[in-house]
């Protein structure tokens, strides 16, 4: 649709507000033009239980990113741009293939910079029979206008509230305004619609993820306090401990190491202290076996995911 496509002309889809003409081939902070670049789509069993079901969440990994965290585990696609271009029609077929193979939902991972095309692909897929919920899996570094356009197409929001520290945000995201943008985005995403389930699977609502950062435990406390006071009755919390610095050799502000178990236990104690009872938390592990490699047809270990589409060869089982 021409109206949506024009949003690439002077791009303000994310808070970077690059104002480049992506339809003319220019690239902003995300590193992408208006051509949708996709890395992989798979049935992923590593998401929260209410999202995975028995066969997995239909995760769709886009190339490029508006935040590009210094410690990103998907750095091959977020920062290095690994992937291949795909049309809106082809993207809608990826969504449909995921549902056909049993996906509990369509899980859009870091898609803000391609939101005009993604909206069109979701609409097309719905017309052609897509019935499962759509999940918007995001860093929470979002513009209100983008979220308002997405709202009619998205059933479940899955934002990651990384920190409320402007200092940390400036040093590891190069986005000092991350806290205020993320809080405003969370308020929009939460709305007043509550949470609905169907057979144990979430069909509407919001899950707020928080990844505990090594050496920044008080930052986690601030995040949990904010969640309890502002979102606790409208969303679930998902606490994560899988910080593994595999991209940058040195990360300002944070120690270049895995999260320690004793640090995580302190943050788990904050949950009890604040009375946060609804949600999920990861069991502590120092294993990195699950880290994806998007050069492989299945970026994840076989027990974690089943590939459906890959940037090197398209549909893995034919279509």
C-alpha atoms as a PDB file:
ATOM      1  CA  UNK A   1       0.000   0.000   0.000  1.00  0.00           C
ATOM      2  CA  UNK A   2       1.479   3.291  -1.130  1.00  0.00           C
ATOM      3  CA  UNK A   3       0.540   5.121   2.091  1.00  0.00           C
ATOM      4  CA  UNK A   4       2.538   2.680   4.219  1.00  0.00           C
ATOM      5  CA  UNK A   5       5.433   2.496   1.757  1.00  0.00           C
ATOM      6  CA  UNK A   6       5.857   6.278   1.924  1.00  0.00           C
ATOM      7  CA  UNK A   7       6.874   5.909   5.571  1.00  0.00           C
ATOM      8  CA  UNK A   8      10.293   4.796   4.302  1.00  0.00           C
ATOM      9  CA  UNK A   9      10.849   8.052   2.401  1.00  0.00           C
ATOM     10  CA  UNK A  10      11.849  10.181   5.414  1.00  0.00           C
ATOM     11  CA  UNK A  11      12.213   7.375   7.922  1.00  0.00           C
ATOM     12  CA  UNK A  12      11.072   8.011  11.484  1.00  0.00           C
ATOM     13  CA  UNK A  13       9.868   4.465  12.203  1.00  0.00           C
ATOM     14  CA  UNK A  14      12.053   4.168  15.325  1.00  0.00           C
ATOM     15  CA  UNK A  15      13.362   6.683  17.883  1.00  0.00           C
ATOM     16  CA  UNK A  16      16.628   7.086  15.966  1.00  0.00           C
ATOM     17  CA  UNK A  17      14.658   9.400  13.613  1.00  0.00           C
ATOM     18  CA  UNK A  18      17.276   9.026  10.871  1.00  0.00           C
ATOM     19  CA  UNK A  19      15.058  10.731   8.246  1.00  0.00           C
ATOM     20  CA  UNK A  20      16.827   8.969   5.372  1.00  0.00           C
ATOM     21  CA  UNK A  21      15.071   7.969   2.144  1.00  0.00           C
ATOM     22  CA  UNK A  22      15.151   4.198   2.399  1.00  0.00           C
ATOM     23  CA  UNK A  23      13.085   3.735  -0.780  1.00  0.00           C
ATOM     24  CA  UNK A  24      15.937   5.475  -2.601  1.00  0.00           C
ATOM     25  CA  UNK A  25      18.408   2.978  -1.153  1.00  0.00           C
ATOM     26  CA  UNK A  26      19.655   5.057   1.766  1.00  0.00           C
ATOM     27  CA  UNK A  27      20.354   3.292   5.058  1.00  0.00           C
ATOM     28  CA  UNK A  28      19.872   4.660   8.536  1.00  0.00           C
ATOM     29  CA  UNK A  29      20.991   3.295  11.896  1.00  0.00           C
ATOM     30  CA  UNK A  30      19.208  -0.036  11.282  1.00  0.00           C
ATOM     31  CA  UNK A  31      21.389  -0.614   8.223  1.00  0.00           C
ATOM     32  CA  UNK A  32      18.458  -1.490   5.956  1.00  0.00           C
ATOM     33  CA  UNK A  33      16.679  -0.054   2.912  1.00  0.00           C
ATOM     34  CA  UNK A  34      12.937  -0.543   2.370  1.00  0.00           C
ATOM     35  CA  UNK A  35      13.536  -4.083   1.010  1.00  0.00           C
ATOM     36  CA  UNK A  36      12.560  -6.558   3.729  1.00  0.00           C
ATOM     37  CA  UNK A  37      15.606  -8.600   4.703  1.00  0.00           C
ATOM     38  CA  UNK A  38      14.864 -11.874   6.472  1.00  0.00           C
ATOM     39  CA  UNK A  39      17.331 -14.231   8.171  1.00  0.00           C
ATOM     40  CA  UNK A  40      15.278 -17.214   9.337  1.00  0.00           C
ATOM     41  CA  UNK A  41      11.882 -18.517  10.403  1.00  0.00           C
ATOM     42  CA  UNK A  42      11.453 -21.508  12.689  1.00  0.00           C
ATOM     43  CA  UNK A  43       9.279 -23.268  15.227  1.00  0.00           C
ATOM     44  CA  UNK A  44      11.082 -22.151  18.367  1.00  0.00           C
ATOM     45  CA  UNK A  45      10.609 -23.943  21.688  1.00  0.00           C
ATOM     46  CA  UNK A  46      12.748 -21.581  23.738  1.00  0.00           C
ATOM     47  CA  UNK A  47      10.121 -18.911  24.325  1.00  0.00           C
ATOM     48  CA  UNK A  48       7.842 -18.637  27.371  1.00  0.00           C
ATOM     49  CA  UNK A  49       5.554 -21.690  27.837  1.00  0.00           C
ATOM     50  CA  UNK A  50       2.380 -19.721  27.073  1.00  0.00           C
ATOM     51  CA  UNK A  51       3.889 -18.825  23.685  1.00  0.00           C
ATOM     52  CA  UNK A  52       5.430 -22.113  22.586  1.00  0.00           C
ATOM     53  CA  UNK A  53       2.706 -24.702  23.045  1.00  0.00           C
ATOM     54  CA  UNK A  54       3.796 -28.219  22.120  1.00  0.00           C
ATOM     55  CA  UNK A  55       5.363 -27.428  18.730  1.00  0.00           C
ATOM     56  CA  UNK A  56       6.843 -23.979  19.173  1.00  0.00           C
ATOM     57  CA  UNK A  57       6.404 -20.308  18.505  1.00  0.00           C
ATOM     58  CA  UNK A  58       6.692 -19.267  14.862  1.00  0.00           C
ATOM     59  CA  UNK A  59       9.700 -16.970  15.218  1.00  0.00           C
ATOM     60  CA  UNK A  60      10.578 -14.780  12.241  1.00  0.00           C
ATOM     61  CA  UNK A  61      14.021 -13.157  12.489  1.00  0.00           C
ATOM     62  CA  UNK A  62      14.569  -9.932  10.531  1.00  0.00           C
ATOM     63  CA  UNK A  63      17.937  -8.436   9.628  1.00  0.00           C
ATOM     64  CA  UNK A  64      19.009  -5.092  11.033  1.00  0.00           C
ATOM     65  CA  UNK A  65      17.954  -3.471  14.307  1.00  0.00           C
ATOM     66  CA  UNK A  66      17.129  -0.047  15.682  1.00  0.00           C
ATOM     67  CA  UNK A  67      19.015  -0.655  18.962  1.00  0.00           C
ATOM     68  CA  UNK A  68      21.994  -2.981  18.297  1.00  0.00           C
ATOM     69  CA  UNK A  69      22.948  -3.834  21.865  1.00  0.00           C
ATOM     70  CA  UNK A  70      26.677  -4.278  22.372  1.00  0.00           C
ATOM     71  CA  UNK A  71      26.035  -7.785  23.754  1.00  0.00           C
ATOM     72  CA  UNK A  72      23.457  -8.957  21.196  1.00  0.00           C
ATOM     73  CA  UNK A  73      23.316 -12.735  20.812  1.00  0.00           C
ATOM     74  CA  UNK A  74      21.747 -12.256  17.361  1.00  0.00           C
ATOM     75  CA  UNK A  75      24.564  -9.930  16.275  1.00  0.00           C
ATOM     76  CA  UNK A  76      24.970 -11.765  12.945  1.00  0.00           C
ATOM     77  CA  UNK A  77      21.627 -10.388  11.816  1.00  0.00           C
ATOM     78  CA  UNK A  78      21.146  -7.308  14.031  1.00  0.00           C
ATOM     79  CA  UNK A  79      24.569  -5.724  13.434  1.00  0.00           C
ATOM     80  CA  UNK A  80      26.193  -7.656  10.563  1.00  0.00           C
ATOM     81  CA  UNK A  81      23.037  -7.732   8.405  1.00  0.00           C
ATOM     82  CA  UNK A  82      23.045 -11.433   7.539  1.00  0.00           C
ATOM     83  CA  UNK A  83      19.916 -12.298   5.564  1.00  0.00           C
ATOM     84  CA  UNK A  84      18.224 -12.137   2.176  1.00  0.00           C
ATOM     85  CA  UNK A  85      15.569  -9.890   0.689  1.00  0.00           C
ATOM     86  CA  UNK A  86      12.009 -11.158   0.507  1.00  0.00           C
ATOM     87  CA  UNK A  87       8.823  -9.683  -0.957  1.00  0.00           C
ATOM     88  CA  UNK A  88       5.707  -8.876   1.059  1.00  0.00           C
ATOM     89  CA  UNK A  89       3.895 -11.764  -0.641  1.00  0.00           C
ATOM     90  CA  UNK A  90       6.727 -14.168   0.186  1.00  0.00           C
ATOM     91  CA  UNK A  91       6.736 -12.996   3.793  1.00  0.00           C
ATOM     92  CA  UNK A  92       3.008 -13.693   4.069  1.00  0.00           C
ATOM     93  CA  UNK A  93       3.703 -17.230   2.800  1.00  0.00           C
ATOM     94  CA  UNK A  94       6.323 -17.667   5.534  1.00  0.00           C
ATOM     95  CA  UNK A  95       3.675 -16.750   8.127  1.00  0.00           C
ATOM     96  CA  UNK A  96       1.218 -19.229   6.617  1.00  0.00           C
ATOM     97  CA  UNK A  97       3.855 -21.999   6.442  1.00  0.00           C
ATOM     98  CA  UNK A  98       4.636 -21.567  10.122  1.00  0.00           C
ATOM     99  CA  UNK A  99       0.983 -21.984  11.058  1.00  0.00           C
ATOM    100  CA  UNK A 100       0.627 -24.995   8.743  1.00  0.00           C
ATOM    101  CA  UNK A 101       3.523 -26.672  10.564  1.00  0.00           C
ATOM    102  CA  UNK A 102       1.941 -26.129  13.964  1.00  0.00           C
ATOM    103  CA  UNK A 103       3.195 -22.761  15.211  1.00  0.00           C
ATOM    104  CA  UNK A 104       1.250 -21.456  18.198  1.00  0.00           C
ATOM    105  CA  UNK A 105       1.707 -17.903  16.891  1.00  0.00           C
ATOM    106  CA  UNK A 106       3.680 -15.736  14.485  1.00  0.00           C
ATOM    107  CA  UNK A 107       6.514 -14.168  16.488  1.00  0.00           C
ATOM    108  CA  UNK A 108       7.965 -11.078  14.774  1.00  0.00           C
ATOM    109  CA  UNK A 109      11.510 -10.545  16.118  1.00  0.00           C
ATOM    110  CA  UNK A 110      12.927  -7.003  15.850  1.00  0.00           C
ATOM    111  CA  UNK A 111      10.774  -5.873  12.952  1.00  0.00           C
ATOM    112  CA  UNK A 112      10.155  -2.175  13.696  1.00  0.00           C
ATOM    113  CA  UNK A 113      12.309  -0.912  10.848  1.00  0.00           C
ATOM    114  CA  UNK A 114      10.278  -3.051   8.398  1.00  0.00           C
ATOM    115  CA  UNK A 115       6.893  -2.412  10.015  1.00  0.00           C
ATOM    116  CA  UNK A 116       5.182  -0.969   6.888  1.00  0.00           C
ATOM    117  CA  UNK A 117       5.915  -4.156   4.926  1.00  0.00           C
ATOM    118  CA  UNK A 118       5.207  -6.438   7.880  1.00  0.00           C
ATOM    119  CA  UNK A 119       1.776  -4.866   8.366  1.00  0.00           C
ATOM    120  CA  UNK A 120       0.984  -5.523   4.707  1.00  0.00           C
ATOM    121  CA  UNK A 121       2.224  -9.121   4.954  1.00  0.00           C
ATOM    122  CA  UNK A 122       0.115  -9.808   8.055  1.00  0.00           C
ATOM    123  CA  UNK A 123      -2.990  -8.398   6.355  1.00  0.00           C
ATOM    124  CA  UNK A 124      -2.341 -10.511   3.276  1.00  0.00           C
ATOM    125  CA  UNK A 125      -1.761 -13.647   5.348  1.00  0.00           C
ATOM    126  CA  UNK A 126      -4.976 -13.029   7.314  1.00  0.00           C
ATOM    127  CA  UNK A 127      -6.865 -12.749   4.033  1.00  0.00           C
ATOM    128  CA  UNK A 128      -5.346 -16.062   2.942  1.00  0.00           C
ATOM    129  CA  UNK A 129      -6.306 -17.888   6.143  1.00  0.00           C
ATOM    130  CA  UNK A 130      -3.815 -17.059   8.920  1.00  0.00           C
ATOM    131  CA  UNK A 131      -5.598 -17.563  12.263  1.00  0.00           C
ATOM    132  CA  UNK A 132      -2.928 -17.759  14.991  1.00  0.00           C
ATOM    133  CA  UNK A 133      -2.026 -14.696  17.115  1.00  0.00           C
ATOM    134  CA  UNK A 134       0.738 -12.323  16.044  1.00  0.00           C
ATOM    135  CA  UNK A 135       3.460 -11.535  18.608  1.00  0.00           C
ATOM    136  CA  UNK A 136       5.491  -8.306  18.437  1.00  0.00           C
ATOM    137  CA  UNK A 137       8.889  -9.236  19.919  1.00  0.00           C
ATOM    138  CA  UNK A 138      10.744  -5.970  20.511  1.00  0.00           C
ATOM    139  CA  UNK A 139      13.501  -4.173  22.395  1.00  0.00           C
ATOM    140  CA  UNK A 140      10.796  -1.656  23.434  1.00  0.00           C
ATOM    141  CA  UNK A 141      12.743   1.102  21.656  1.00  0.00           C
ATOM    142  CA  UNK A 142       9.693   2.115  19.688  1.00  0.00           C
ATOM    143  CA  UNK A 143       7.957   5.199  18.315  1.00  0.00           C
ATOM    144  CA  UNK A 144       4.324   5.752  19.324  1.00  0.00           C
ATOM    145  CA  UNK A 145       3.201   6.258  15.713  1.00  0.00           C
ATOM    146  CA  UNK A 146       4.707   2.912  14.695  1.00  0.00           C
ATOM    147  CA  UNK A 147       3.008   1.098  17.578  1.00  0.00           C
ATOM    148  CA  UNK A 148      -0.338   2.716  16.813  1.00  0.00           C
ATOM    149  CA  UNK A 149      -0.128   1.495  13.210  1.00  0.00           C
ATOM    150  CA  UNK A 150       0.805  -1.987  14.378  1.00  0.00           C
ATOM    151  CA  UNK A 151      -1.869  -2.289  17.067  1.00  0.00           C
ATOM    152  CA  UNK A 152      -4.675  -3.604  14.811  1.00  0.00           C
ATOM    153  CA  UNK A 153      -2.381  -6.372  13.519  1.00  0.00           C
ATOM    154  CA  UNK A 154      -0.750  -7.488  16.778  1.00  0.00           C
ATOM    155  CA  UNK A 155      -2.327  -9.670  19.473  1.00  0.00           C
ATOM    156  CA  UNK A 156       0.554 -10.135  21.923  1.00  0.00           C
ATOM    157  CA  UNK A 157       3.349  -7.709  22.771  1.00  0.00           C
ATOM    158  CA  UNK A 158       6.689  -9.119  23.953  1.00  0.00           C
ATOM    159  CA  UNK A 159       8.930  -6.158  24.838  1.00  0.00           C
ATOM    160  CA  UNK A 160      12.290  -6.411  26.581  1.00  0.00           C
ATOM    161  CA  UNK A 161      12.719  -3.675  29.194  1.00  0.00           C
ATOM    162  CA  UNK A 162      16.497  -3.612  29.315  1.00  0.00           C
ATOM    163  CA  UNK A 163      17.224  -0.812  31.782  1.00  0.00           C
ATOM    164  CA  UNK A 164      15.883   2.473  33.111  1.00  0.00           C
ATOM    165  CA  UNK A 165      19.381   3.954  33.434  1.00  0.00           C
ATOM    166  CA  UNK A 166      20.178   6.685  30.917  1.00  0.00           C
ATOM    167  CA  UNK A 167      23.889   6.143  31.595  1.00  0.00           C
ATOM    168  CA  UNK A 168      23.786   2.436  30.776  1.00  0.00           C
ATOM    169  CA  UNK A 169      21.570   3.133  27.757  1.00  0.00           C
ATOM    170  CA  UNK A 170      24.007   5.693  26.392  1.00  0.00           C
ATOM    171  CA  UNK A 171      27.035   3.470  26.855  1.00  0.00           C
ATOM    172  CA  UNK A 172      25.766   0.118  25.574  1.00  0.00           C
ATOM    173  CA  UNK A 173      22.876   1.061  23.242  1.00  0.00           C
ATOM    174  CA  UNK A 174      24.055   4.512  22.112  1.00  0.00           C
ATOM    175  CA  UNK A 175      20.497   5.560  23.005  1.00  0.00           C
ATOM    176  CA  UNK A 176      20.385   7.786  26.086  1.00  0.00           C
ATOM    177  CA  UNK A 177      16.643   8.231  25.574  1.00  0.00           C
ATOM    178  CA  UNK A 178      15.956   4.484  25.776  1.00  0.00           C
ATOM    179  CA  UNK A 179      14.309   4.590  29.254  1.00  0.00           C
ATOM    180  CA  UNK A 180      11.669   7.206  28.423  1.00  0.00           C
ATOM    181  CA  UNK A 181      10.963   5.749  24.990  1.00  0.00           C
ATOM    182  CA  UNK A 182      10.656   2.245  26.423  1.00  0.00           C
ATOM    183  CA  UNK A 183       8.336   3.307  29.248  1.00  0.00           C
ATOM    184  CA  UNK A 184       6.063   5.185  26.845  1.00  0.00           C
ATOM    185  CA  UNK A 185       6.043   2.192  24.490  1.00  0.00           C
ATOM    186  CA  UNK A 186       5.193  -0.228  27.303  1.00  0.00           C
ATOM    187  CA  UNK A 187       2.257   1.927  28.345  1.00  0.00           C
ATOM    188  CA  UNK A 188       0.908   1.864  24.783  1.00  0.00           C
ATOM    189  CA  UNK A 189       1.479  -1.870  24.392  1.00  0.00           C
ATOM    190  CA  UNK A 190      -0.137  -2.753  27.719  1.00  0.00           C
ATOM    191  CA  UNK A 191      -3.310  -0.771  27.079  1.00  0.00           C
ATOM    192  CA  UNK A 192      -6.277  -1.864  29.154  1.00  0.00           C
ATOM    193  CA  UNK A 193      -7.132  -5.080  27.337  1.00  0.00           C
ATOM    194  CA  UNK A 194      -5.828  -7.557  29.911  1.00  0.00           C
ATOM    195  CA  UNK A 195      -4.588 -11.068  29.128  1.00  0.00           C
ATOM    196  CA  UNK A 196      -6.547 -13.860  27.439  1.00  0.00           C
ATOM    197  CA  UNK A 197      -5.692 -17.531  26.992  1.00  0.00           C
ATOM    198  CA  UNK A 198      -6.948 -20.349  24.803  1.00  0.00           C
ATOM    199  CA  UNK A 199      -6.103 -23.875  25.939  1.00  0.00           C
ATOM    200  CA  UNK A 200      -3.163 -22.654  28.011  1.00  0.00           C
ATOM    201  CA  UNK A 201      -1.703 -20.513  25.210  1.00  0.00           C
ATOM    202  CA  UNK A 202      -1.726 -16.736  25.329  1.00  0.00           C
ATOM    203  CA  UNK A 203      -3.900 -15.252  22.613  1.00  0.00           C
ATOM    204  CA  UNK A 204      -3.847 -11.622  23.794  1.00  0.00           C
ATOM    205  CA  UNK A 205      -1.780  -9.604  26.241  1.00  0.00           C
ATOM    206  CA  UNK A 206       1.773  -8.588  27.094  1.00  0.00           C
ATOM    207  CA  UNK A 207       4.861 -10.241  28.565  1.00  0.00           C
ATOM    208  CA  UNK A 208       7.670  -7.917  29.666  1.00  0.00           C
ATOM    209  CA  UNK A 209      11.113  -9.499  29.503  1.00  0.00           C
ATOM    210  CA  UNK A 210      14.080  -8.310  31.521  1.00  0.00           C
ATOM    211  CA  UNK A 211      17.602  -9.615  30.966  1.00  0.00           C
ATOM    212  CA  UNK A 212      19.750  -9.258  34.099  1.00  0.00           C
ATOM    213  CA  UNK A 213      23.066  -7.596  33.234  1.00  0.00           C
ATOM    214  CA  UNK A 214      26.285  -8.494  35.113  1.00  0.00           C
ATOM    215  CA  UNK A 215      27.441  -5.757  37.439  1.00  0.00           C
ATOM    216  CA  UNK A 216      24.139  -3.883  37.083  1.00  0.00           C
ATOM    217  CA  UNK A 217      21.940  -5.540  39.701  1.00  0.00           C
ATOM    218  CA  UNK A 218      20.547  -2.239  40.991  1.00  0.00           C
ATOM    219  CA  UNK A 219      19.420  -1.469  37.452  1.00  0.00           C
ATOM    220  CA  UNK A 220      17.380  -4.684  37.561  1.00  0.00           C
ATOM    221  CA  UNK A 221      15.871  -3.642  40.882  1.00  0.00           C
ATOM    222  CA  UNK A 222      14.751  -0.365  39.324  1.00  0.00           C
ATOM    223  CA  UNK A 223      13.175  -2.204  36.377  1.00  0.00           C
ATOM    224  CA  UNK A 224      11.283  -4.618  38.629  1.00  0.00           C
ATOM    225  CA  UNK A 225      10.030  -1.783  40.824  1.00  0.00           C
ATOM    226  CA  UNK A 226       8.762   0.056  37.759  1.00  0.00           C
ATOM    227  CA  UNK A 227       7.049  -3.085  36.476  1.00  0.00           C
ATOM    228  CA  UNK A 228       5.320  -3.755  39.794  1.00  0.00           C
ATOM    229  CA  UNK A 229       4.065  -0.191  40.183  1.00  0.00           C
ATOM    230  CA  UNK A 230       3.010   0.447  36.595  1.00  0.00           C
ATOM    231  CA  UNK A 231       2.359  -2.817  34.753  1.00  0.00           C
ATOM    232  CA  UNK A 232       1.924  -5.570  37.324  1.00  0.00           C
ATOM    233  CA  UNK A 233      -1.831  -5.867  36.832  1.00  0.00           C
ATOM    234  CA  UNK A 234      -1.701  -5.666  33.028  1.00  0.00           C
ATOM    235  CA  UNK A 235       1.256  -7.844  32.023  1.00  0.00           C
ATOM    236  CA  UNK A 236       3.380 -10.850  32.948  1.00  0.00           C
ATOM    237  CA  UNK A 237       7.073 -10.581  33.804  1.00  0.00           C
ATOM    238  CA  UNK A 238       9.729 -12.829  32.289  1.00  0.00           C
ATOM    239  CA  UNK A 239      13.102 -12.668  34.058  1.00  0.00           C
ATOM    240  CA  UNK A 240      16.086 -13.832  32.015  1.00  0.00           C
ATOM    241  CA  UNK A 241      19.685 -14.677  32.939  1.00  0.00           C
ATOM    242  CA  UNK A 242      21.165 -15.626  29.538  1.00  0.00           C
ATOM    243  CA  UNK A 243      23.606 -12.706  29.218  1.00  0.00           C
ATOM    244  CA  UNK A 244      26.615 -13.988  27.266  1.00  0.00           C
ATOM    245  CA  UNK A 245      28.894 -11.369  25.632  1.00  0.00           C
ATOM    246  CA  UNK A 246      29.752 -13.021  22.335  1.00  0.00           C
ATOM    247  CA  UNK A 247      29.921 -10.014  19.992  1.00  0.00           C
ATOM    248  CA  UNK A 248      31.959  -7.154  21.415  1.00  0.00           C
ATOM    249  CA  UNK A 249      35.299  -7.927  23.050  1.00  0.00           C
ATOM    250  CA  UNK A 250      34.816  -5.088  25.512  1.00  0.00           C
ATOM    251  CA  UNK A 251      31.529  -3.696  26.750  1.00  0.00           C
ATOM    252  CA  UNK A 252      31.687  -0.296  28.453  1.00  0.00           C
ATOM    253  CA  UNK A 253      30.021  -0.174  31.863  1.00  0.00           C
ATOM    254  CA  UNK A 254      29.546  -3.975  32.043  1.00  0.00           C
ATOM    255  CA  UNK A 255      32.108  -6.628  32.864  1.00  0.00           C
ATOM    256  CA  UNK A 256      32.925  -8.820  29.879  1.00  0.00           C
ATOM    257  CA  UNK A 257      31.645 -12.009  31.501  1.00  0.00           C
ATOM    258  CA  UNK A 258      28.583 -14.162  32.029  1.00  0.00           C
ATOM    259  CA  UNK A 259      26.110 -13.347  34.749  1.00  0.00           C
ATOM    260  CA  UNK A 260      27.050 -14.983  38.048  1.00  0.00           C
ATOM    261  CA  UNK A 261      24.584 -17.240  39.825  1.00  0.00           C
ATOM    262  CA  UNK A 262      24.811 -15.197  43.031  1.00  0.00           C
ATOM    263  CA  UNK A 263      23.880 -12.040  41.101  1.00  0.00           C
ATOM    264  CA  UNK A 264      20.843 -13.730  39.632  1.00  0.00           C
ATOM    265  CA  UNK A 265      19.764 -15.026  43.037  1.00  0.00           C
ATOM    266  CA  UNK A 266      19.774 -11.464  44.357  1.00  0.00           C
ATOM    267  CA  UNK A 267      17.433 -10.398  41.560  1.00  0.00           C
ATOM    268  CA  UNK A 268      15.188 -13.425  42.141  1.00  0.00           C
ATOM    269  CA  UNK A 269      14.909 -12.301  45.764  1.00  0.00           C
ATOM    270  CA  UNK A 270      13.676  -8.913  44.533  1.00  0.00           C
ATOM    271  CA  UNK A 271      10.654 -10.694  43.018  1.00  0.00           C
ATOM    272  CA  UNK A 272       9.593 -11.905  46.462  1.00  0.00           C
ATOM    273  CA  UNK A 273      10.377  -8.570  48.058  1.00  0.00           C
ATOM    274  CA  UNK A 274       8.160  -6.722  45.584  1.00  0.00           C
ATOM    275  CA  UNK A 275       5.419  -9.345  45.480  1.00  0.00           C
ATOM    276  CA  UNK A 276       5.777 -10.138  41.771  1.00  0.00           C
ATOM    277  CA  UNK A 277       4.187 -13.572  41.483  1.00  0.00           C
ATOM    278  CA  UNK A 278       2.799 -13.861  37.950  1.00  0.00           C
ATOM    279  CA  UNK A 279       5.207 -14.689  35.164  1.00  0.00           C
ATOM    280  CA  UNK A 280       8.334 -16.671  34.384  1.00  0.00           C
ATOM    281  CA  UNK A 281      12.000 -16.877  35.271  1.00  0.00           C
ATOM    282  CA  UNK A 282      14.816 -18.823  33.671  1.00  0.00           C
ATOM    283  CA  UNK A 283      16.702 -21.458  35.631  1.00  0.00           C
ATOM    284  CA  UNK A 284      20.312 -20.374  36.004  1.00  0.00           C
ATOM    285  CA  UNK A 285      22.760 -22.026  33.633  1.00  0.00           C
ATOM    286  CA  UNK A 286      26.143 -21.046  32.262  1.00  0.00           C
ATOM    287  CA  UNK A 287      25.641 -23.114  29.103  1.00  0.00           C
ATOM    288  CA  UNK A 288      25.823 -21.300  25.780  1.00  0.00           C
ATOM    289  CA  UNK A 289      24.710 -24.243  23.627  1.00  0.00           C
ATOM    290  CA  UNK A 290      21.526 -22.420  22.599  1.00  0.00           C
ATOM    291  CA  UNK A 291      23.279 -19.395  21.047  1.00  0.00           C
ATOM    292  CA  UNK A 292      22.083 -19.166  17.429  1.00  0.00           C
ATOM    293  CA  UNK A 293      24.255 -19.335  14.347  1.00  0.00           C
ATOM    294  CA  UNK A 294      22.295 -17.932  11.417  1.00  0.00           C
ATOM    295  CA  UNK A 295      24.722 -19.434   8.925  1.00  0.00           C
ATOM    296  CA  UNK A 296      23.206 -22.827   9.729  1.00  0.00           C
ATOM    297  CA  UNK A 297      19.890 -23.919   8.184  1.00  0.00           C
ATOM    298  CA  UNK A 298      18.684 -24.454  11.740  1.00  0.00           C
ATOM    299  CA  UNK A 299      20.263 -21.598  13.716  1.00  0.00           C
ATOM    300  CA  UNK A 300      19.463 -23.356  17.001  1.00  0.00           C
ATOM    301  CA  UNK A 301      20.167 -26.866  18.350  1.00  0.00           C
ATOM    302  CA  UNK A 302      17.588 -29.411  17.078  1.00  0.00           C
ATOM    303  CA  UNK A 303      15.869 -29.655  20.474  1.00  0.00           C
ATOM    304  CA  UNK A 304      15.287 -25.893  20.488  1.00  0.00           C
ATOM    305  CA  UNK A 305      13.872 -25.252  17.038  1.00  0.00           C
ATOM    306  CA  UNK A 306      12.682 -26.646  13.713  1.00  0.00           C
ATOM    307  CA  UNK A 307      13.604 -24.565  10.631  1.00  0.00           C
ATOM    308  CA  UNK A 308      10.899 -23.524   8.164  1.00  0.00           C
ATOM    309  CA  UNK A 309      12.676 -20.838   6.087  1.00  0.00           C
ATOM    310  CA  UNK A 310      16.338 -19.817   5.842  1.00  0.00           C
ATOM    311  CA  UNK A 311      18.039 -16.919   4.105  1.00  0.00           C
ATOM    312  CA  UNK A 312      20.354 -19.195   2.098  1.00  0.00           C
ATOM    313  CA  UNK A 313      17.722 -21.418   0.493  1.00  0.00           C
ATOM    314  CA  UNK A 314      14.193 -20.266   1.293  1.00  0.00           C
ATOM    315  CA  UNK A 315      11.668 -22.831   2.529  1.00  0.00           C
ATOM    316  CA  UNK A 316      13.554 -25.714   4.108  1.00  0.00           C
ATOM    317  CA  UNK A 317      10.924 -28.339   3.349  1.00  0.00           C
ATOM    318  CA  UNK A 318       9.757 -26.934   0.043  1.00  0.00           C
ATOM    319  CA  UNK A 319       6.474 -25.152  -0.549  1.00  0.00           C
END
